[in-house]
C-alpha atoms as a PDB file:
ATOM      1  CA  UNK A   1     102.226 182.336  99.912  1.00  0.00           C
ATOM      2  CA  UNK A   2     105.132 182.156 102.343  1.00  0.00           C
ATOM      3  CA  UNK A   3     107.574 179.290 101.856  1.00  0.00           C
ATOM      4  CA  UNK A   4     109.268 177.636 104.843  1.00  0.00           C
ATOM      5  CA  UNK A   5     112.659 179.084 105.765  1.00  0.00           C
ATOM      6  CA  UNK A   6     114.311 175.675 106.098  1.00  0.00           C
ATOM      7  CA  UNK A   7     114.230 171.994 105.193  1.00  0.00           C
ATOM      8  CA  UNK A   8     114.634 168.854 107.287  1.00  0.00           C
ATOM      9  CA  UNK A   9     114.888 165.142 106.660  1.00  0.00           C
ATOM     10  CA  UNK A  10     111.213 164.658 107.518  1.00  0.00           C
ATOM     11  CA  UNK A  11     110.022 167.531 105.311  1.00  0.00           C
ATOM     12  CA  UNK A  12     112.132 166.351 102.361  1.00  0.00           C
ATOM     13  CA  UNK A  13     110.812 162.829 102.889  1.00  0.00           C
ATOM     14  CA  UNK A  14     107.241 164.165 102.844  1.00  0.00           C
ATOM     15  CA  UNK A  15     107.983 166.094  99.645  1.00  0.00           C
ATOM     16  CA  UNK A  16     109.306 162.927  98.043  1.00  0.00           C
ATOM     17  CA  UNK A  17     106.406 160.776  99.207  1.00  0.00           C
ATOM     18  CA  UNK A  18     103.681 163.280  98.299  1.00  0.00           C
ATOM     19  CA  UNK A  19     104.446 166.861  97.311  1.00  0.00           C
ATOM     20  CA  UNK A  20     100.811 167.794  97.902  1.00  0.00           C
ATOM     21  CA  UNK A  21     101.124 166.715 101.540  1.00  0.00           C
ATOM     22  CA  UNK A  22     104.260 168.840 101.842  1.00  0.00           C
ATOM     23  CA  UNK A  23     102.408 171.856 100.452  1.00  0.00           C
ATOM     24  CA  UNK A  24      99.431 171.409 102.752  1.00  0.00           C
ATOM     25  CA  UNK A  25     101.520 170.956 105.905  1.00  0.00           C
ATOM     26  CA  UNK A  26     104.462 173.300 105.320  1.00  0.00           C
ATOM     27  CA  UNK A  27     103.063 176.019 103.054  1.00  0.00           C
ATOM     28  CA  UNK A  28      99.271 176.132 103.411  1.00  0.00           C
ATOM     29  CA  UNK A  29      99.512 175.219 107.108  1.00  0.00           C
ATOM     30  CA  UNK A  30      96.398 173.064 106.962  1.00  0.00           C
ATOM     31  CA  UNK A  31      95.130 171.571 110.249  1.00  0.00           C
ATOM     32  CA  UNK A  32      96.937 168.321 111.033  1.00  0.00           C
ATOM     33  CA  UNK A  33      95.046 165.489 112.680  1.00  0.00           C
ATOM     34  CA  UNK A  34      96.815 164.229 115.820  1.00  0.00           C
ATOM     35  CA  UNK A  35      98.155 160.687 115.795  1.00  0.00           C
ATOM     36  CA  UNK A  36      98.254 158.652 118.984  1.00  0.00           C
ATOM     37  CA  UNK A  37     101.464 156.953 117.892  1.00  0.00           C
ATOM     38  CA  UNK A  38     103.124 160.380 117.604  1.00  0.00           C
ATOM     39  CA  UNK A  39     101.790 161.362 121.029  1.00  0.00           C
ATOM     40  CA  UNK A  40     103.290 158.227 122.538  1.00  0.00           C
ATOM     41  CA  UNK A  41     106.495 158.377 120.514  1.00  0.00           C
ATOM     42  CA  UNK A  42     107.152 161.989 121.495  1.00  0.00           C
ATOM     43  CA  UNK A  43     106.663 161.126 125.171  1.00  0.00           C
ATOM     44  CA  UNK A  44     109.094 158.195 124.835  1.00  0.00           C
ATOM     45  CA  UNK A  45     111.678 160.550 123.338  1.00  0.00           C
ATOM     46  CA  UNK A  46     111.197 163.066 126.136  1.00  0.00           C
ATOM     47  CA  UNK A  47     111.372 160.486 128.929  1.00  0.00           C
ATOM     48  CA  UNK A  48     114.515 158.806 127.554  1.00  0.00           C
ATOM     49  CA  UNK A  49     116.124 162.211 127.038  1.00  0.00           C
ATOM     50  CA  UNK A  50     115.379 162.963 130.695  1.00  0.00           C
ATOM     51  CA  UNK A  51     117.050 159.686 131.678  1.00  0.00           C
ATOM     52  CA  UNK A  52     120.205 160.371 129.662  1.00  0.00           C
ATOM     53  CA  UNK A  53     120.512 163.902 130.996  1.00  0.00           C
ATOM     54  CA  UNK A  54     120.367 162.470 134.498  1.00  0.00           C
ATOM     55  CA  UNK A  55     122.826 159.711 133.593  1.00  0.00           C
ATOM     56  CA  UNK A  56     125.531 162.112 132.390  1.00  0.00           C
ATOM     57  CA  UNK A  57     125.580 163.743 135.811  1.00  0.00           C
ATOM     58  CA  UNK A  58     125.617 160.384 137.590  1.00  0.00           C
ATOM     59  CA  UNK A  59     121.967 160.189 138.660  1.00  0.00           C
ATOM     60  CA  UNK A  60     120.706 157.620 136.181  1.00  0.00           C
ATOM     61  CA  UNK A  61     120.376 154.951 138.884  1.00  0.00           C
ATOM     62  CA  UNK A  62     117.698 156.962 140.707  1.00  0.00           C
ATOM     63  CA  UNK A  63     115.619 157.762 137.618  1.00  0.00           C
ATOM     64  CA  UNK A  64     111.865 157.446 138.455  1.00  0.00           C
ATOM     65  CA  UNK A  65     110.849 156.010 135.079  1.00  0.00           C
ATOM     66  CA  UNK A  66     107.162 155.532 135.840  1.00  0.00           C
ATOM     67  CA  UNK A  67     106.604 159.023 137.201  1.00  0.00           C
ATOM     68  CA  UNK A  68     108.567 160.707 134.433  1.00  0.00           C
ATOM     69  CA  UNK A  69     106.748 158.738 131.736  1.00  0.00           C
ATOM     70  CA  UNK A  70     103.328 159.672 133.120  1.00  0.00           C
ATOM     71  CA  UNK A  71     104.202 163.375 133.147  1.00  0.00           C
ATOM     72  CA  UNK A  72     105.416 163.450 129.548  1.00  0.00           C
ATOM     73  CA  UNK A  73     102.669 161.207 128.203  1.00  0.00           C
ATOM     74  CA  UNK A  74      99.932 163.247 129.881  1.00  0.00           C
ATOM     75  CA  UNK A  75     101.478 166.485 128.599  1.00  0.00           C
ATOM     76  CA  UNK A  76     101.501 165.127 125.051  1.00  0.00           C
ATOM     77  CA  UNK A  77      97.871 164.002 125.389  1.00  0.00           C
ATOM     78  CA  UNK A  78      96.919 167.489 126.563  1.00  0.00           C
ATOM     79  CA  UNK A  79      98.600 169.097 123.552  1.00  0.00           C
ATOM     80  CA  UNK A  80      96.852 166.701 121.166  1.00  0.00           C
ATOM     81  CA  UNK A  81      93.464 167.377 122.777  1.00  0.00           C
ATOM     82  CA  UNK A  82      93.995 171.105 122.415  1.00  0.00           C
ATOM     83  CA  UNK A  83      94.462 170.575 118.666  1.00  0.00           C
ATOM     84  CA  UNK A  84      91.582 168.128 118.338  1.00  0.00           C
ATOM     85  CA  UNK A  85      89.294 167.561 121.359  1.00  0.00           C
ATOM     86  CA  UNK A  86      87.462 164.715 119.621  1.00  0.00           C
ATOM     87  CA  UNK A  87      89.744 161.724 120.176  1.00  0.00           C
ATOM     88  CA  UNK A  88      87.715 159.702 117.668  1.00  0.00           C
ATOM     89  CA  UNK A  89      89.285 161.837 114.940  1.00  0.00           C
ATOM     90  CA  UNK A  90      92.822 160.978 116.001  1.00  0.00           C
ATOM     91  CA  UNK A  91      94.833 158.639 113.835  1.00  0.00           C
ATOM     92  CA  UNK A  92      95.607 155.463 115.735  1.00  0.00           C
ATOM     93  CA  UNK A  93      96.131 151.748 115.454  1.00  0.00           C
ATOM     94  CA  UNK A  94      92.973 149.734 116.059  1.00  0.00           C
ATOM     95  CA  UNK A  95      94.793 147.644 118.653  1.00  0.00           C
ATOM     96  CA  UNK A  96      96.668 150.438 120.453  1.00  0.00           C
ATOM     97  CA  UNK A  97      94.478 152.876 122.359  1.00  0.00           C
ATOM     98  CA  UNK A  98      95.467 155.476 124.930  1.00  0.00           C
ATOM     99  CA  UNK A  99      95.636 153.060 127.861  1.00  0.00           C
ATOM    100  CA  UNK A 100      97.578 150.569 125.731  1.00  0.00           C
ATOM    101  CA  UNK A 101     100.095 153.307 124.993  1.00  0.00           C
ATOM    102  CA  UNK A 102     100.229 154.268 128.658  1.00  0.00           C
ATOM    103  CA  UNK A 103     101.407 150.745 129.419  1.00  0.00           C
ATOM    104  CA  UNK A 104     103.542 150.190 126.307  1.00  0.00           C
ATOM    105  CA  UNK A 105     105.236 153.561 126.482  1.00  0.00           C
ATOM    106  CA  UNK A 106     106.658 152.868 129.919  1.00  0.00           C
ATOM    107  CA  UNK A 107     107.923 149.528 128.630  1.00  0.00           C
ATOM    108  CA  UNK A 108     109.585 151.302 125.695  1.00  0.00           C
ATOM    109  CA  UNK A 109     111.291 153.746 128.040  1.00  0.00           C
ATOM    110  CA  UNK A 110     112.455 150.945 130.311  1.00  0.00           C
ATOM    111  CA  UNK A 111     113.766 148.938 127.354  1.00  0.00           C
ATOM    112  CA  UNK A 112     116.023 151.838 126.423  1.00  0.00           C
ATOM    113  CA  UNK A 113     117.227 152.253 130.004  1.00  0.00           C
ATOM    114  CA  UNK A 114     118.005 148.526 130.256  1.00  0.00           C
ATOM    115  CA  UNK A 115     119.966 148.661 127.004  1.00  0.00           C
ATOM    116  CA  UNK A 116     121.900 151.733 128.121  1.00  0.00           C
ATOM    117  CA  UNK A 117     122.888 150.025 131.356  1.00  0.00           C
ATOM    118  CA  UNK A 118     124.422 147.055 129.549  1.00  0.00           C
ATOM    119  CA  UNK A 119     125.884 148.893 126.545  1.00  0.00           C
ATOM    120  CA  UNK A 120     129.544 149.984 126.552  1.00  0.00           C
ATOM    121  CA  UNK A 121     128.704 153.026 124.423  1.00  0.00           C
ATOM    122  CA  UNK A 122     129.086 156.425 126.046  1.00  0.00           C
ATOM    123  CA  UNK A 123     127.244 159.680 125.345  1.00  0.00           C
ATOM    124  CA  UNK A 124     129.593 161.713 123.170  1.00  0.00           C
ATOM    125  CA  UNK A 125     130.585 165.183 124.321  1.00  0.00           C
ATOM    126  CA  UNK A 126     130.903 167.759 121.551  1.00  0.00           C
ATOM    127  CA  UNK A 127     133.960 170.021 121.198  1.00  0.00           C
ATOM    128  CA  UNK A 128     131.748 172.706 122.772  1.00  0.00           C
ATOM    129  CA  UNK A 129     131.360 170.572 125.894  1.00  0.00           C
ATOM    130  CA  UNK A 130     127.716 169.663 125.215  1.00  0.00           C
ATOM    131  CA  UNK A 131     126.456 166.101 125.765  1.00  0.00           C
ATOM    132  CA  UNK A 132     125.120 164.785 122.456  1.00  0.00           C
ATOM    133  CA  UNK A 133     121.525 164.319 123.630  1.00  0.00           C
ATOM    134  CA  UNK A 134     118.916 165.805 121.252  1.00  0.00           C
ATOM    135  CA  UNK A 135     121.884 167.529 119.669  1.00  0.00           C
ATOM    136  CA  UNK A 136     121.112 170.459 117.374  1.00  0.00           C
ATOM    137  CA  UNK A 137     123.283 170.167 114.255  1.00  0.00           C
ATOM    138  CA  UNK A 138     121.130 172.405 112.042  1.00  0.00           C
ATOM    139  CA  UNK A 139     123.063 174.186 109.330  1.00  0.00           C
ATOM    140  CA  UNK A 140     123.697 174.539 105.614  1.00  0.00           C
ATOM    141  CA  UNK A 141     125.231 172.003 103.251  1.00  0.00           C
ATOM    142  CA  UNK A 142     126.939 172.779  99.931  1.00  0.00           C
ATOM    143  CA  UNK A 143     124.393 172.933  97.113  1.00  0.00           C
ATOM    144  CA  UNK A 144     121.424 173.864  99.295  1.00  0.00           C
ATOM    145  CA  UNK A 145     120.754 177.571  99.898  1.00  0.00           C
ATOM    146  CA  UNK A 146     118.547 177.112 102.973  1.00  0.00           C
ATOM    147  CA  UNK A 147     119.200 175.745 106.433  1.00  0.00           C
ATOM    148  CA  UNK A 148     118.574 172.075 107.120  1.00  0.00           C
ATOM    149  CA  UNK A 149     117.107 171.554 110.580  1.00  0.00           C
ATOM    150  CA  UNK A 150     118.243 168.460 112.450  1.00  0.00           C
ATOM    151  CA  UNK A 151     118.205 167.301 116.052  1.00  0.00           C
ATOM    152  CA  UNK A 152     120.044 164.040 116.708  1.00  0.00           C
ATOM    153  CA  UNK A 153     118.487 161.816 119.358  1.00  0.00           C
ATOM    154  CA  UNK A 154     121.930 160.652 120.490  1.00  0.00           C
ATOM    155  CA  UNK A 155     125.526 160.524 119.359  1.00  0.00           C
ATOM    156  CA  UNK A 156     127.525 157.841 121.126  1.00  0.00           C
ATOM    157  CA  UNK A 157     131.226 157.163 121.392  1.00  0.00           C
ATOM    158  CA  UNK A 158     132.085 153.492 120.931  1.00  0.00           C
ATOM    159  CA  UNK A 159     135.150 152.935 123.151  1.00  0.00           C
ATOM    160  CA  UNK A 160     135.821 149.536 121.577  1.00  0.00           C
ATOM    161  CA  UNK A 161     135.823 150.617 117.914  1.00  0.00           C
ATOM    162  CA  UNK A 162     136.934 154.158 118.807  1.00  0.00           C
ATOM    163  CA  UNK A 163     134.261 155.674 116.556  1.00  0.00           C
ATOM    164  CA  UNK A 164     131.123 157.796 116.684  1.00  0.00           C
ATOM    165  CA  UNK A 165     127.646 156.322 116.276  1.00  0.00           C
ATOM    166  CA  UNK A 166     124.405 158.216 115.605  1.00  0.00           C
ATOM    167  CA  UNK A 167     121.394 156.602 117.274  1.00  0.00           C
ATOM    168  CA  UNK A 168     117.747 157.345 116.538  1.00  0.00           C
ATOM    169  CA  UNK A 169     114.962 156.036 118.774  1.00  0.00           C
ATOM    170  CA  UNK A 170     112.097 154.320 116.975  1.00  0.00           C
ATOM    171  CA  UNK A 171     108.912 153.530 118.889  1.00  0.00           C
ATOM    172  CA  UNK A 172     107.132 152.348 115.737  1.00  0.00           C
ATOM    173  CA  UNK A 173     107.039 148.819 114.359  1.00  0.00           C
ATOM    174  CA  UNK A 174     109.048 149.351 111.190  1.00  0.00           C
ATOM    175  CA  UNK A 175     112.785 150.020 111.077  1.00  0.00           C
ATOM    176  CA  UNK A 176     114.131 152.591 108.591  1.00  0.00           C
ATOM    177  CA  UNK A 177     114.461 151.193 105.063  1.00  0.00           C
ATOM    178  CA  UNK A 178     117.322 153.444 103.975  1.00  0.00           C
ATOM    179  CA  UNK A 179     120.245 155.327 105.479  1.00  0.00           C
ATOM    180  CA  UNK A 180     118.911 158.716 104.278  1.00  0.00           C
ATOM    181  CA  UNK A 181     118.130 160.097 107.726  1.00  0.00           C
ATOM    182  CA  UNK A 182     121.467 159.040 109.162  1.00  0.00           C
ATOM    183  CA  UNK A 183     123.370 160.305 106.122  1.00  0.00           C
ATOM    184  CA  UNK A 184     121.799 163.737 106.550  1.00  0.00           C
ATOM    185  CA  UNK A 185     122.762 163.773 110.214  1.00  0.00           C
ATOM    186  CA  UNK A 186     126.321 162.614 109.491  1.00  0.00           C
ATOM    187  CA  UNK A 187     126.801 165.332 106.873  1.00  0.00           C
ATOM    188  CA  UNK A 188     125.543 168.069 109.203  1.00  0.00           C
ATOM    189  CA  UNK A 189     127.651 166.737 112.069  1.00  0.00           C
ATOM    190  CA  UNK A 190     130.686 166.826 109.792  1.00  0.00           C
ATOM    191  CA  UNK A 191     130.039 170.439 108.796  1.00  0.00           C
ATOM    192  CA  UNK A 192     129.385 171.624 112.345  1.00  0.00           C
ATOM    193  CA  UNK A 193     132.117 169.778 114.243  1.00  0.00           C
ATOM    194  CA  UNK A 194     134.442 168.409 111.537  1.00  0.00           C
ATOM    195  CA  UNK A 195     134.055 164.850 112.821  1.00  0.00           C
ATOM    196  CA  UNK A 196     133.402 161.617 110.943  1.00  0.00           C
ATOM    197  CA  UNK A 197     130.683 159.185 111.962  1.00  0.00           C
ATOM    198  CA  UNK A 198     131.190 155.457 111.644  1.00  0.00           C
ATOM    199  CA  UNK A 199     127.630 154.203 111.852  1.00  0.00           C
ATOM    200  CA  UNK A 200     123.962 155.116 112.147  1.00  0.00           C
ATOM    201  CA  UNK A 201     121.633 152.759 113.966  1.00  0.00           C
ATOM    202  CA  UNK A 202     118.007 152.789 115.147  1.00  0.00           C
ATOM    203  CA  UNK A 203     117.047 151.694 118.634  1.00  0.00           C
ATOM    204  CA  UNK A 204     113.845 149.702 118.203  1.00  0.00           C
ATOM    205  CA  UNK A 205     112.023 150.294 121.482  1.00  0.00           C
ATOM    206  CA  UNK A 206     109.438 147.596 120.810  1.00  0.00           C
ATOM    207  CA  UNK A 207     112.156 144.970 120.450  1.00  0.00           C
ATOM    208  CA  UNK A 208     114.363 146.449 123.176  1.00  0.00           C
ATOM    209  CA  UNK A 209     117.425 146.290 120.978  1.00  0.00           C
ATOM    210  CA  UNK A 210     119.338 147.945 118.146  1.00  0.00           C
ATOM    211  CA  UNK A 211     118.089 147.574 114.597  1.00  0.00           C
ATOM    212  CA  UNK A 212     120.015 147.220 111.369  1.00  0.00           C
ATOM    213  CA  UNK A 213     123.097 149.477 111.346  1.00  0.00           C
ATOM    214  CA  UNK A 214     123.980 151.711 108.387  1.00  0.00           C
ATOM    215  CA  UNK A 215     127.557 152.363 107.329  1.00  0.00           C
ATOM    216  CA  UNK A 216     128.180 156.119 107.227  1.00  0.00           C
ATOM    217  CA  UNK A 217     131.903 156.071 106.517  1.00  0.00           C
ATOM    218  CA  UNK A 218     131.396 157.062 102.873  1.00  0.00           C
ATOM    219  CA  UNK A 219     128.956 159.940 103.351  1.00  0.00           C
ATOM    220  CA  UNK A 220     129.735 162.812 100.983  1.00  0.00           C
ATOM    221  CA  UNK A 221     128.664 166.225 102.280  1.00  0.00           C
ATOM    222  CA  UNK A 222     128.274 167.639  98.767  1.00  0.00           C
ATOM    223  CA  UNK A 223     126.122 164.731  97.595  1.00  0.00           C
ATOM    224  CA  UNK A 224     123.774 165.101 100.553  1.00  0.00           C
ATOM    225  CA  UNK A 225     123.626 168.856 100.016  1.00  0.00           C
ATOM    226  CA  UNK A 226     122.733 168.317  96.355  1.00  0.00           C
ATOM    227  CA  UNK A 227     119.777 166.123  97.356  1.00  0.00           C
ATOM    228  CA  UNK A 228     118.373 168.897  99.531  1.00  0.00           C
ATOM    229  CA  UNK A 229     119.185 171.496  96.885  1.00  0.00           C
ATOM    230  CA  UNK A 230     117.079 169.562  94.374  1.00  0.00           C
ATOM    231  CA  UNK A 231     114.224 169.382  96.868  1.00  0.00           C
ATOM    232  CA  UNK A 232     114.391 173.131  97.397  1.00  0.00           C
ATOM    233  CA  UNK A 233     114.324 173.718  93.627  1.00  0.00           C
ATOM    234  CA  UNK A 234     111.137 171.657  93.418  1.00  0.00           C
ATOM    235  CA  UNK A 235     109.574 173.763  96.162  1.00  0.00           C
ATOM    236  CA  UNK A 236     110.535 177.015  94.435  1.00  0.00           C
ATOM    237  CA  UNK A 237     108.954 175.769  91.203  1.00  0.00           C
ATOM    238  CA  UNK A 238     105.699 175.097  93.025  1.00  0.00           C
ATOM    239  CA  UNK A 239     105.677 171.452  91.961  1.00  0.00           C
ATOM    240  CA  UNK A 240     103.236 170.076  94.519  1.00  0.00           C
ATOM    241  CA  UNK A 241     101.466 167.171  92.858  1.00  0.00           C
ATOM    242  CA  UNK A 242      99.594 164.532  94.859  1.00  0.00           C
ATOM    243  CA  UNK A 243     101.226 161.116  94.797  1.00  0.00           C
ATOM    244  CA  UNK A 244      98.501 159.643  92.606  1.00  0.00           C
ATOM    245  CA  UNK A 245      97.716 156.740  94.929  1.00  0.00           C
ATOM    246  CA  UNK A 246      94.957 157.988  97.281  1.00  0.00           C
ATOM    247  CA  UNK A 247      94.476 154.590  98.925  1.00  0.00           C
ATOM    248  CA  UNK A 248      98.036 154.742 100.214  1.00  0.00           C
ATOM    249  CA  UNK A 249      97.384 158.010 102.058  1.00  0.00           C
ATOM    250  CA  UNK A 250      95.674 156.429 105.073  1.00  0.00           C
ATOM    251  CA  UNK A 251      96.765 156.381 107.843  1.00  0.00           C
ATOM    252  CA  UNK A 252     100.086 158.094 107.116  1.00  0.00           C
ATOM    253  CA  UNK A 253      98.852 161.478 105.917  1.00  0.00           C
ATOM    254  CA  UNK A 254      97.567 163.901 108.560  1.00  0.00           C
ATOM    255  CA  UNK A 255      96.153 166.520 106.160  1.00  0.00           C
ATOM    256  CA  UNK A 256      93.687 164.427 104.173  1.00  0.00           C
ATOM    257  CA  UNK A 257      90.835 166.672 105.314  1.00  0.00           C
ATOM    258  CA  UNK A 258      92.457 169.533 103.373  1.00  0.00           C
ATOM    259  CA  UNK A 259      93.369 167.554 100.240  1.00  0.00           C
ATOM    260  CA  UNK A 260      91.337 167.807  97.029  1.00  0.00           C
ATOM    261  CA  UNK A 261      92.604 164.399  95.871  1.00  0.00           C
ATOM    262  CA  UNK A 262      90.921 162.930  98.965  1.00  0.00           C
ATOM    263  CA  UNK A 263      87.781 165.097  98.592  1.00  0.00           C
ATOM    264  CA  UNK A 264      88.592 166.544 101.972  1.00  0.00           C
ATOM    265  CA  UNK A 265      85.955 168.798 103.549  1.00  0.00           C
ATOM    266  CA  UNK A 266      88.538 171.555 104.094  1.00  0.00           C
ATOM    267  CA  UNK A 267      90.144 171.289 100.648  1.00  0.00           C
ATOM    268  CA  UNK A 268      88.480 174.452  99.344  1.00  0.00           C
ATOM    269  CA  UNK A 269      90.293 176.401 102.080  1.00  0.00           C
ATOM    270  CA  UNK A 270      93.796 175.031 101.592  1.00  0.00           C
ATOM    271  CA  UNK A 271      94.214 173.183  98.287  1.00  0.00           C
ATOM    272  CA  UNK A 272      94.435 175.250  95.051  1.00  0.00           C
ATOM    273  CA  UNK A 273      93.297 172.150  93.128  1.00  0.00           C
ATOM    274  CA  UNK A 274      89.906 172.282  94.831  1.00  0.00           C
ATOM    275  CA  UNK A 275      86.884 173.868  93.088  1.00  0.00           C
ATOM    276  CA  UNK A 276      85.907 177.108  94.762  1.00  0.00           C
ATOM    277  CA  UNK A 277      89.346 177.469  96.345  1.00  0.00           C
ATOM    278  CA  UNK A 278      89.431 180.277  98.922  1.00  0.00           C
ATOM    279  CA  UNK A 279      92.956 180.459 100.414  1.00  0.00           C
ATOM    280  CA  UNK A 280      93.350 180.909 104.141  1.00  0.00           C
ATOM    281  CA  UNK A 281      96.965 182.134 104.037  1.00  0.00           C
END
């Protein structure tokens, strides 16, 4: 059984929510059912990244939003169909089908562009001269022996407050409940560039505006590292229990077909808790 070589905010969050789901996705490598909201959200991220890359070289005003969106959305659909050709097996909202996302996604991209055009914030440039767009700040934190992978959607410089702001695009309906994601990013940014971040904030594409900001001025690198160190200890111990609330698994979990707690048809291939377990890794 080969353990992952790194952690991330999303993987630690999965471990905390349901350690069994972490095991099935990150260790057993069970098949993951595509989700239409992830297809659309990924395309929104790619299209807005394209816009910002054009904007930093002065070409943002000629950005062909509709064409760019169609390319990225269709590419994401193709990737999802390669994983699971039967679209009826995809996880999706009952009210948001593919054509709904084709329309909504472009609106989400345009909402970000409109906000960028009226916002005074500027894309931050790292000490290495790199624009902070999908910025890789992966690295190690004190107290955690493995690398923590992290790519920041954007880091902005606020010329009014004279401070850095981490922004994360959210194409879903719910804003983040805690500052955990932003705190991880702030700690890694501090280690990599020795800079302090003032605030973390989501951009809620559906509402075309910023969500609730999180104060990051008190982030302690060692405390964040200790959180990830504890998660890694749990992984090393092989503590991969299911969360105990099967009804809460749908539609969030994408490996239910491989989970014994859900009586998944593939559980005997990937879940050691399944009778007749025959590992595939």
